[in-house]
């Protein structure tokens, strides 16, 4: 693996001795969605998870992992995270809060340790993919390992 791809998220999984595979794909600045990542890696959208940076009215920032092609249910996220309401963080705030750029946001290794919520659909699979902290770089790993590494809560948060 190239030294440039040794992201904080990679270091965390290595430190926890969690098995993973890194998948690289070509990025296009105009195509940074999880749906594009799924198409370029050939991994089904329901196994390709995007990480969204949200904010709850009580808890503050929350990292949320939802499958590509699905929409986040903000009411369900609020309920799952102990909030009355939740919303997406403005794009201009994401890098300052997490250290990650759009299209490279991982639930692991952000500037601060934020609570993580993973849509419960992830647990039905032997593996899922999620961003590894760099555009064009995905982790392929067992969902239970991601839950353990992030100390995530799993809940139904998509509609």
N, C-alpha and C. Protein backbone atom coordinates (compact mmCIF):
# COMPACT_ATOMS: atom_id res chain seq x y z
N UNK A 1 0.85 -1.18 0.00
CA UNK A 1 0.00 0.00 0.00
C UNK A 1 0.89 1.23 0.00
N UNK A 2 0.55 2.20 -0.80
CA UNK A 2 1.34 3.43 -0.90
C UNK A 2 1.23 4.20 0.41
N UNK A 3 2.31 4.86 0.79
CA UNK A 3 2.34 5.62 2.04
C UNK A 3 1.26 6.69 2.08
N UNK A 4 0.95 7.28 0.93
CA UNK A 4 -0.07 8.33 0.87
C UNK A 4 -1.45 7.81 1.26
N UNK A 5 -1.66 6.52 1.17
CA UNK A 5 -2.96 5.93 1.47
C UNK A 5 -3.06 5.48 2.92
N UNK A 6 -2.05 5.77 3.73
CA UNK A 6 -2.06 5.38 5.14
C UNK A 6 -2.83 6.45 5.92
N UNK A 7 -4.14 6.40 5.81
CA UNK A 7 -4.99 7.40 6.46
C UNK A 7 -5.13 7.10 7.96
N UNK A 8 -5.62 8.08 8.71
CA UNK A 8 -5.88 7.85 10.14
C UNK A 8 -6.82 6.67 10.33
N UNK A 9 -7.83 6.57 9.45
CA UNK A 9 -8.79 5.47 9.54
C UNK A 9 -8.09 4.12 9.36
N UNK A 10 -7.14 4.03 8.42
CA UNK A 10 -6.38 2.80 8.20
C UNK A 10 -5.57 2.47 9.45
N UNK A 11 -4.91 3.47 10.02
CA UNK A 11 -4.09 3.26 11.22
C UNK A 11 -4.93 2.73 12.39
N UNK A 12 -6.14 3.26 12.52
CA UNK A 12 -7.02 2.82 13.61
C UNK A 12 -7.37 1.34 13.46
N UNK A 13 -7.78 0.92 12.25
CA UNK A 13 -8.13 -0.50 12.06
C UNK A 13 -6.91 -1.39 12.26
N UNK A 14 -5.76 -0.95 11.77
CA UNK A 14 -4.53 -1.75 11.97
C UNK A 14 -4.22 -1.87 13.45
N UNK A 15 -4.36 -0.78 14.19
CA UNK A 15 -4.09 -0.78 15.62
C UNK A 15 -5.01 -1.70 16.38
N UNK A 16 -6.25 -1.82 15.91
CA UNK A 16 -7.23 -2.72 16.55
C UNK A 16 -7.13 -4.16 16.02
N UNK A 17 -6.21 -4.36 15.07
CA UNK A 17 -6.01 -5.67 14.43
C UNK A 17 -7.30 -6.19 13.80
N UNK A 18 -8.04 -5.27 13.18
CA UNK A 18 -9.27 -5.62 12.47
C UNK A 18 -8.93 -5.88 11.01
N UNK A 19 -9.32 -7.04 10.49
CA UNK A 19 -9.02 -7.35 9.09
C UNK A 19 -9.86 -6.49 8.13
N UNK A 20 -9.21 -6.00 7.10
CA UNK A 20 -9.90 -5.20 6.09
C UNK A 20 -9.12 -5.29 4.78
N UNK A 21 -9.80 -4.91 3.73
CA UNK A 21 -9.16 -4.80 2.41
C UNK A 21 -9.37 -3.37 1.97
N UNK A 22 -8.37 -2.79 1.30
CA UNK A 22 -8.54 -1.45 0.74
C UNK A 22 -8.84 -1.58 -0.74
N UNK A 23 -9.88 -0.89 -1.18
CA UNK A 23 -10.26 -0.87 -2.59
C UNK A 23 -10.05 0.55 -3.10
N UNK A 24 -9.28 0.67 -4.17
CA UNK A 24 -9.07 1.98 -4.78
C UNK A 24 -9.84 2.06 -6.08
N UNK A 25 -10.33 3.25 -6.39
CA UNK A 25 -11.01 3.46 -7.66
C UNK A 25 -10.75 4.89 -8.13
N UNK A 26 -10.86 5.07 -9.44
CA UNK A 26 -10.64 6.39 -10.03
C UNK A 26 -11.76 7.34 -9.63
N UNK A 27 -11.37 8.54 -9.23
CA UNK A 27 -12.39 9.52 -8.87
C UNK A 27 -12.50 10.60 -9.93
N UNK A 28 -13.65 11.17 -9.98
CA UNK A 28 -13.95 12.31 -10.83
C UNK A 28 -14.55 13.33 -9.89
N UNK A 29 -14.03 14.55 -9.89
CA UNK A 29 -14.51 15.59 -8.97
C UNK A 29 -16.02 15.81 -9.06
N UNK A 30 -16.62 15.46 -10.19
CA UNK A 30 -18.06 15.66 -10.37
C UNK A 30 -18.86 14.44 -9.92
N UNK A 31 -18.16 13.33 -9.66
CA UNK A 31 -18.83 12.09 -9.28
C UNK A 31 -18.22 11.55 -8.00
N UNK A 32 -18.67 12.10 -6.87
CA UNK A 32 -18.11 11.71 -5.58
C UNK A 32 -19.10 10.96 -4.69
N UNK A 33 -20.20 10.53 -5.27
CA UNK A 33 -21.24 9.87 -4.47
C UNK A 33 -20.91 8.41 -4.20
N UNK A 34 -21.59 7.87 -3.21
CA UNK A 34 -21.45 6.44 -2.90
C UNK A 34 -21.96 5.59 -4.06
N UNK A 35 -22.95 6.10 -4.77
CA UNK A 35 -23.48 5.39 -5.94
C UNK A 35 -22.39 5.26 -7.00
N UNK A 36 -21.61 6.33 -7.20
CA UNK A 36 -20.49 6.28 -8.15
C UNK A 36 -19.43 5.29 -7.67
N UNK A 37 -19.14 5.30 -6.36
CA UNK A 37 -18.15 4.36 -5.80
C UNK A 37 -18.60 2.92 -6.03
N UNK A 38 -19.89 2.66 -5.81
CA UNK A 38 -20.43 1.30 -6.02
C UNK A 38 -20.25 0.89 -7.47
N UNK A 39 -20.60 1.79 -8.39
CA UNK A 39 -20.48 1.47 -9.81
C UNK A 39 -19.03 1.21 -10.21
N UNK A 40 -18.11 2.02 -9.69
CA UNK A 40 -16.70 1.88 -10.07
C UNK A 40 -16.01 0.68 -9.44
N UNK A 41 -16.50 0.23 -8.28
CA UNK A 41 -15.88 -0.94 -7.64
C UNK A 41 -16.62 -2.23 -7.96
N UNK A 42 -17.83 -2.10 -8.52
CA UNK A 42 -18.62 -3.29 -8.83
C UNK A 42 -19.26 -3.91 -7.61
N UNK A 43 -19.31 -3.16 -6.51
CA UNK A 43 -19.92 -3.67 -5.27
C UNK A 43 -21.33 -3.09 -5.18
N UNK A 44 -22.29 -3.93 -4.87
CA UNK A 44 -23.70 -3.53 -4.84
C UNK A 44 -23.91 -2.30 -3.95
N UNK A 45 -24.84 -1.44 -4.37
CA UNK A 45 -25.13 -0.22 -3.61
C UNK A 45 -25.52 -0.51 -2.18
N UNK A 46 -26.28 -1.59 -1.95
CA UNK A 46 -26.72 -1.86 -0.58
C UNK A 46 -25.57 -2.27 0.35
N UNK A 47 -24.40 -2.59 -0.23
CA UNK A 47 -23.20 -2.92 0.55
C UNK A 47 -22.22 -1.75 0.60
N UNK A 48 -22.46 -0.71 -0.18
CA UNK A 48 -21.56 0.44 -0.26
C UNK A 48 -22.16 1.56 0.59
N UNK A 49 -21.51 1.85 1.70
CA UNK A 49 -22.06 2.82 2.66
C UNK A 49 -21.37 4.17 2.53
N UNK A 50 -22.20 5.22 2.54
CA UNK A 50 -21.68 6.58 2.54
C UNK A 50 -21.71 7.09 3.98
N UNK A 51 -20.78 7.95 4.30
CA UNK A 51 -20.71 8.53 5.64
C UNK A 51 -21.15 9.98 5.56
N UNK A 52 -22.18 10.30 6.32
CA UNK A 52 -22.72 11.66 6.35
C UNK A 52 -22.40 12.28 7.70
N UNK A 53 -22.09 13.54 7.67
CA UNK A 53 -21.81 14.29 8.89
C UNK A 53 -23.07 15.07 9.24
N UNK A 54 -23.67 14.74 10.38
CA UNK A 54 -24.93 15.36 10.80
C UNK A 54 -24.74 16.03 12.16
N UNK A 55 -25.78 16.76 12.56
CA UNK A 55 -25.74 17.41 13.87
C UNK A 55 -27.09 17.22 14.54
N UNK A 56 -27.04 16.73 15.78
CA UNK A 56 -28.25 16.59 16.58
C UNK A 56 -28.41 17.82 17.46
N UNK A 57 -29.63 18.14 17.80
CA UNK A 57 -29.89 19.34 18.61
C UNK A 57 -29.37 19.20 20.04
N UNK A 58 -29.16 17.98 20.53
CA UNK A 58 -28.66 17.77 21.89
C UNK A 58 -27.22 17.26 21.92
N UNK A 59 -26.92 16.32 21.05
CA UNK A 59 -25.61 15.67 21.11
C UNK A 59 -24.54 16.31 20.24
N UNK A 60 -24.92 17.18 19.33
CA UNK A 60 -23.94 17.76 18.41
C UNK A 60 -23.66 16.84 17.24
N UNK A 61 -22.41 16.82 16.78
CA UNK A 61 -22.04 16.11 15.55
C UNK A 61 -22.19 14.60 15.72
N UNK A 62 -22.73 13.98 14.67
CA UNK A 62 -22.92 12.52 14.59
C UNK A 62 -22.47 12.09 13.20
N UNK A 63 -21.69 11.03 13.12
CA UNK A 63 -21.33 10.45 11.83
C UNK A 63 -22.32 9.32 11.56
N UNK A 64 -22.90 9.31 10.35
CA UNK A 64 -23.94 8.34 10.02
C UNK A 64 -23.56 7.60 8.74
N UNK A 65 -23.64 6.28 8.78
CA UNK A 65 -23.33 5.45 7.61
C UNK A 65 -24.63 4.85 7.07
N UNK A 66 -24.92 5.18 5.82
CA UNK A 66 -26.13 4.67 5.18
C UNK A 66 -25.77 4.10 3.81
N UNK A 67 -26.55 3.12 3.34
CA UNK A 67 -26.23 2.52 2.04
C UNK A 67 -26.44 3.50 0.88
N UNK A 68 -25.61 3.33 -0.15
CA UNK A 68 -25.77 4.12 -1.37
C UNK A 68 -27.17 3.90 -1.93
N UNK A 69 -27.71 4.92 -2.54
CA UNK A 69 -29.02 4.80 -3.16
C UNK A 69 -30.17 4.94 -2.19
N UNK A 70 -29.88 5.15 -0.92
CA UNK A 70 -30.92 5.30 0.09
C UNK A 70 -30.83 6.69 0.70
N UNK A 71 -31.93 7.12 1.28
CA UNK A 71 -32.01 8.46 1.86
C UNK A 71 -32.06 8.37 3.38
N UNK A 72 -31.31 9.23 4.04
CA UNK A 72 -31.30 9.28 5.49
C UNK A 72 -32.64 9.78 6.01
N UNK A 73 -33.17 9.09 7.00
CA UNK A 73 -34.41 9.50 7.67
C UNK A 73 -33.98 10.27 8.93
N UNK A 74 -34.11 11.60 8.87
CA UNK A 74 -33.61 12.45 9.96
C UNK A 74 -34.36 12.21 11.27
N UNK A 75 -35.65 11.93 11.20
CA UNK A 75 -36.41 11.64 12.43
C UNK A 75 -35.90 10.36 13.07
N UNK A 76 -35.64 9.34 12.27
CA UNK A 76 -35.13 8.07 12.78
C UNK A 76 -33.73 8.26 13.37
N UNK A 77 -32.90 9.07 12.71
CA UNK A 77 -31.56 9.35 13.23
C UNK A 77 -31.65 10.07 14.57
N UNK A 78 -32.52 11.07 14.65
CA UNK A 78 -32.68 11.82 15.90
C UNK A 78 -33.08 10.86 17.03
N UNK A 79 -34.04 10.00 16.77
CA UNK A 79 -34.50 9.05 17.79
C UNK A 79 -33.38 8.09 18.20
N UNK A 80 -32.63 7.59 17.23
CA UNK A 80 -31.57 6.62 17.50
C UNK A 80 -30.39 7.24 18.25
N UNK A 81 -30.21 8.56 18.10
CA UNK A 81 -29.04 9.22 18.69
C UNK A 81 -29.35 10.06 19.92
N UNK A 82 -30.58 9.97 20.42
CA UNK A 82 -30.94 10.71 21.61
C UNK A 82 -31.19 12.19 21.39
N UNK A 83 -31.64 12.53 20.20
CA UNK A 83 -31.93 13.92 19.85
C UNK A 83 -33.42 14.09 19.54
N UNK A 84 -33.88 15.33 19.58
CA UNK A 84 -35.25 15.62 19.13
C UNK A 84 -35.24 15.86 17.63
N UNK A 85 -34.14 16.42 17.12
CA UNK A 85 -34.02 16.66 15.68
C UNK A 85 -32.57 16.49 15.26
N UNK A 86 -32.37 16.26 13.97
CA UNK A 86 -31.04 16.11 13.40
C UNK A 86 -31.07 16.66 11.98
N UNK A 87 -29.93 17.16 11.54
CA UNK A 87 -29.83 17.70 10.19
C UNK A 87 -28.41 17.47 9.68
N UNK A 88 -28.25 17.58 8.36
CA UNK A 88 -26.92 17.49 7.79
C UNK A 88 -26.13 18.72 8.19
N UNK A 89 -24.83 18.54 8.43
CA UNK A 89 -23.94 19.66 8.67
C UNK A 89 -23.71 20.32 7.31
N UNK A 90 -23.61 21.65 7.28
CA UNK A 90 -23.33 22.34 6.02
C UNK A 90 -22.01 21.85 5.45
N UNK A 91 -21.97 21.65 4.14
CA UNK A 91 -20.78 21.14 3.46
C UNK A 91 -19.54 21.93 3.82
N UNK A 92 -19.67 23.25 3.93
CA UNK A 92 -18.49 24.08 4.23
C UNK A 92 -17.93 23.81 5.63
N UNK A 93 -18.71 23.17 6.52
CA UNK A 93 -18.26 22.86 7.88
C UNK A 93 -17.61 21.48 8.00
N UNK A 94 -17.86 20.60 7.06
CA UNK A 94 -17.46 19.20 7.19
C UNK A 94 -15.95 19.05 7.39
N UNK A 95 -15.14 19.70 6.56
CA UNK A 95 -13.69 19.53 6.68
C UNK A 95 -13.17 20.06 8.02
N UNK A 96 -13.68 21.20 8.46
CA UNK A 96 -13.25 21.75 9.73
C UNK A 96 -13.60 20.87 10.92
N UNK A 97 -14.75 20.23 10.87
CA UNK A 97 -15.20 19.36 11.96
C UNK A 97 -14.51 18.00 11.95
N UNK A 98 -14.33 17.45 10.75
CA UNK A 98 -13.86 16.05 10.65
C UNK A 98 -12.42 15.91 10.17
N UNK A 99 -11.93 16.90 9.43
CA UNK A 99 -10.63 16.75 8.79
C UNK A 99 -10.74 16.08 7.43
N UNK A 100 -11.96 15.72 7.04
CA UNK A 100 -12.18 15.04 5.77
C UNK A 100 -12.86 15.96 4.76
N UNK A 101 -12.53 15.76 3.48
CA UNK A 101 -13.18 16.50 2.40
C UNK A 101 -14.39 15.72 1.91
N UNK A 102 -15.29 16.42 1.24
CA UNK A 102 -16.45 15.76 0.64
C UNK A 102 -15.96 14.64 -0.27
N UNK A 103 -16.60 13.48 -0.13
CA UNK A 103 -16.20 12.32 -0.94
C UNK A 103 -15.10 11.51 -0.29
N UNK A 104 -14.59 11.96 0.87
CA UNK A 104 -13.53 11.24 1.55
C UNK A 104 -13.79 11.09 3.03
N UNK A 105 -15.05 11.20 3.43
CA UNK A 105 -15.44 11.19 4.84
C UNK A 105 -15.59 9.76 5.35
N UNK A 106 -14.84 9.43 6.39
CA UNK A 106 -14.89 8.10 7.00
C UNK A 106 -15.48 8.19 8.40
N UNK A 107 -16.16 7.13 8.86
CA UNK A 107 -16.66 7.15 10.24
C UNK A 107 -15.53 6.96 11.26
N UNK A 108 -14.33 6.64 10.79
CA UNK A 108 -13.16 6.43 11.63
C UNK A 108 -12.14 7.55 11.42
N UNK A 109 -11.47 7.95 12.48
CA UNK A 109 -10.31 8.84 12.34
C UNK A 109 -10.61 10.30 12.11
N UNK A 110 -11.80 10.76 12.44
CA UNK A 110 -12.10 12.19 12.32
C UNK A 110 -11.28 12.96 13.37
N UNK A 111 -11.25 14.29 13.25
CA UNK A 111 -10.50 15.13 14.18
C UNK A 111 -10.87 14.86 15.63
N UNK A 112 -12.16 14.64 15.87
CA UNK A 112 -12.67 14.29 17.20
C UNK A 112 -13.39 12.96 17.09
N UNK A 113 -13.56 12.29 18.22
CA UNK A 113 -14.31 11.03 18.21
C UNK A 113 -15.79 11.37 18.37
N UNK A 114 -16.50 11.31 17.27
CA UNK A 114 -17.94 11.59 17.27
C UNK A 114 -18.72 10.29 17.40
N UNK A 115 -19.95 10.38 17.92
CA UNK A 115 -20.80 9.18 17.91
C UNK A 115 -21.08 8.75 16.47
N UNK A 116 -21.18 7.45 16.25
CA UNK A 116 -21.43 6.90 14.92
C UNK A 116 -22.71 6.06 14.97
N UNK A 117 -23.57 6.26 13.97
CA UNK A 117 -24.76 5.44 13.80
C UNK A 117 -24.66 4.79 12.42
N UNK A 118 -24.83 3.49 12.38
CA UNK A 118 -24.76 2.73 11.12
C UNK A 118 -26.14 2.13 10.87
N UNK A 119 -26.65 2.33 9.65
CA UNK A 119 -27.96 1.75 9.34
C UNK A 119 -27.90 0.24 9.57
N UNK A 120 -28.93 -0.28 10.24
CA UNK A 120 -28.94 -1.69 10.63
C UNK A 120 -28.87 -2.65 9.45
N UNK A 121 -29.18 -2.19 8.24
CA UNK A 121 -29.12 -3.07 7.07
C UNK A 121 -27.70 -3.61 6.86
N UNK A 122 -26.69 -2.88 7.34
CA UNK A 122 -25.29 -3.32 7.18
C UNK A 122 -25.05 -4.68 7.82
N UNK A 123 -25.74 -4.93 8.93
CA UNK A 123 -25.49 -6.16 9.70
C UNK A 123 -25.96 -7.42 9.00
N UNK A 124 -26.71 -7.28 7.92
CA UNK A 124 -27.19 -8.44 7.17
C UNK A 124 -26.11 -9.02 6.24
N UNK A 125 -25.01 -8.28 6.06
CA UNK A 125 -23.98 -8.68 5.10
C UNK A 125 -22.72 -9.23 5.77
N UNK A 126 -21.99 -10.08 5.02
CA UNK A 126 -20.71 -10.56 5.53
C UNK A 126 -19.65 -9.47 5.39
N UNK A 127 -19.81 -8.57 4.40
CA UNK A 127 -18.92 -7.43 4.27
C UNK A 127 -19.69 -6.24 3.71
N UNK A 128 -19.19 -5.05 4.04
CA UNK A 128 -19.66 -3.80 3.44
C UNK A 128 -18.43 -2.99 3.07
N UNK A 129 -18.65 -1.91 2.32
CA UNK A 129 -17.56 -0.96 2.09
C UNK A 129 -17.97 0.38 2.66
N UNK A 130 -16.96 1.10 3.12
CA UNK A 130 -17.15 2.44 3.67
C UNK A 130 -15.87 3.21 3.41
N UNK A 131 -15.96 4.52 3.28
CA UNK A 131 -14.79 5.32 2.95
C UNK A 131 -13.67 5.14 3.97
N UNK A 132 -12.46 5.10 3.46
CA UNK A 132 -11.28 4.87 4.30
C UNK A 132 -10.53 6.17 4.61
N UNK A 133 -11.19 7.32 4.38
CA UNK A 133 -10.57 8.59 4.76
C UNK A 133 -9.88 9.33 3.64
N UNK A 134 -10.14 8.92 2.40
CA UNK A 134 -9.51 9.55 1.24
C UNK A 134 -10.42 9.31 0.05
N UNK A 135 -10.57 10.29 -0.81
CA UNK A 135 -11.38 10.09 -2.02
C UNK A 135 -10.81 8.94 -2.83
N UNK A 136 -11.70 8.07 -3.31
CA UNK A 136 -11.26 6.95 -4.15
C UNK A 136 -10.70 5.78 -3.37
N UNK A 137 -10.93 5.73 -2.05
CA UNK A 137 -10.39 4.67 -1.21
C UNK A 137 -11.47 4.17 -0.27
N UNK A 138 -11.77 2.87 -0.36
CA UNK A 138 -12.80 2.26 0.49
C UNK A 138 -12.22 1.13 1.32
N UNK A 139 -12.77 0.97 2.53
CA UNK A 139 -12.53 -0.23 3.32
C UNK A 139 -13.55 -1.27 2.88
N UNK A 140 -13.12 -2.50 2.79
CA UNK A 140 -14.03 -3.63 2.65
C UNK A 140 -13.82 -4.44 3.93
N UNK A 141 -14.87 -4.53 4.76
CA UNK A 141 -14.72 -5.18 6.05
C UNK A 141 -16.05 -5.71 6.55
N UNK A 142 -15.99 -6.52 7.59
CA UNK A 142 -17.20 -7.05 8.20
C UNK A 142 -17.90 -5.92 8.95
N UNK A 143 -19.22 -5.80 8.78
CA UNK A 143 -19.94 -4.71 9.46
C UNK A 143 -19.78 -4.74 10.98
N UNK A 144 -19.73 -5.93 11.57
CA UNK A 144 -19.55 -6.03 13.03
C UNK A 144 -18.20 -5.45 13.44
N UNK A 145 -17.18 -5.60 12.59
CA UNK A 145 -15.87 -5.01 12.89
C UNK A 145 -15.91 -3.49 12.82
N UNK A 146 -16.68 -2.95 11.87
CA UNK A 146 -16.82 -1.49 11.78
C UNK A 146 -17.55 -0.97 13.02
N UNK A 147 -18.60 -1.68 13.43
CA UNK A 147 -19.35 -1.29 14.63
C UNK A 147 -18.41 -1.28 15.84
N UNK A 148 -17.59 -2.31 15.96
CA UNK A 148 -16.66 -2.39 17.09
C UNK A 148 -15.63 -1.26 17.05
N UNK A 149 -15.06 -1.02 15.86
CA UNK A 149 -14.01 0.00 15.73
C UNK A 149 -14.52 1.41 16.01
N UNK A 150 -15.76 1.67 15.64
CA UNK A 150 -16.32 3.02 15.80
C UNK A 150 -17.17 3.15 17.06
N UNK A 151 -17.38 2.01 17.76
CA UNK A 151 -18.30 1.99 18.90
C UNK A 151 -19.67 2.50 18.49
N UNK A 152 -20.08 2.09 17.29
CA UNK A 152 -21.31 2.58 16.67
C UNK A 152 -22.54 1.93 17.26
N UNK A 153 -23.63 2.64 17.07
CA UNK A 153 -24.95 2.11 17.35
C UNK A 153 -25.55 1.76 15.99
N UNK A 154 -26.21 0.61 15.89
CA UNK A 154 -26.90 0.30 14.63
C UNK A 154 -28.40 0.54 14.86
N UNK A 155 -29.02 1.12 13.86
CA UNK A 155 -30.45 1.46 13.95
C UNK A 155 -31.00 1.63 12.55
N UNK A 156 -32.33 1.49 12.39
CA UNK A 156 -32.92 1.74 11.07
C UNK A 156 -32.99 3.26 10.85
N UNK A 157 -32.11 3.79 9.99
CA UNK A 157 -32.07 5.24 9.79
C UNK A 157 -32.24 5.66 8.32
N UNK A 158 -32.71 4.73 7.48
CA UNK A 158 -32.98 5.10 6.09
C UNK A 158 -34.45 4.91 5.78
N UNK A 159 -34.89 5.61 4.72
CA UNK A 159 -36.28 5.40 4.28
C UNK A 159 -36.27 4.82 2.90
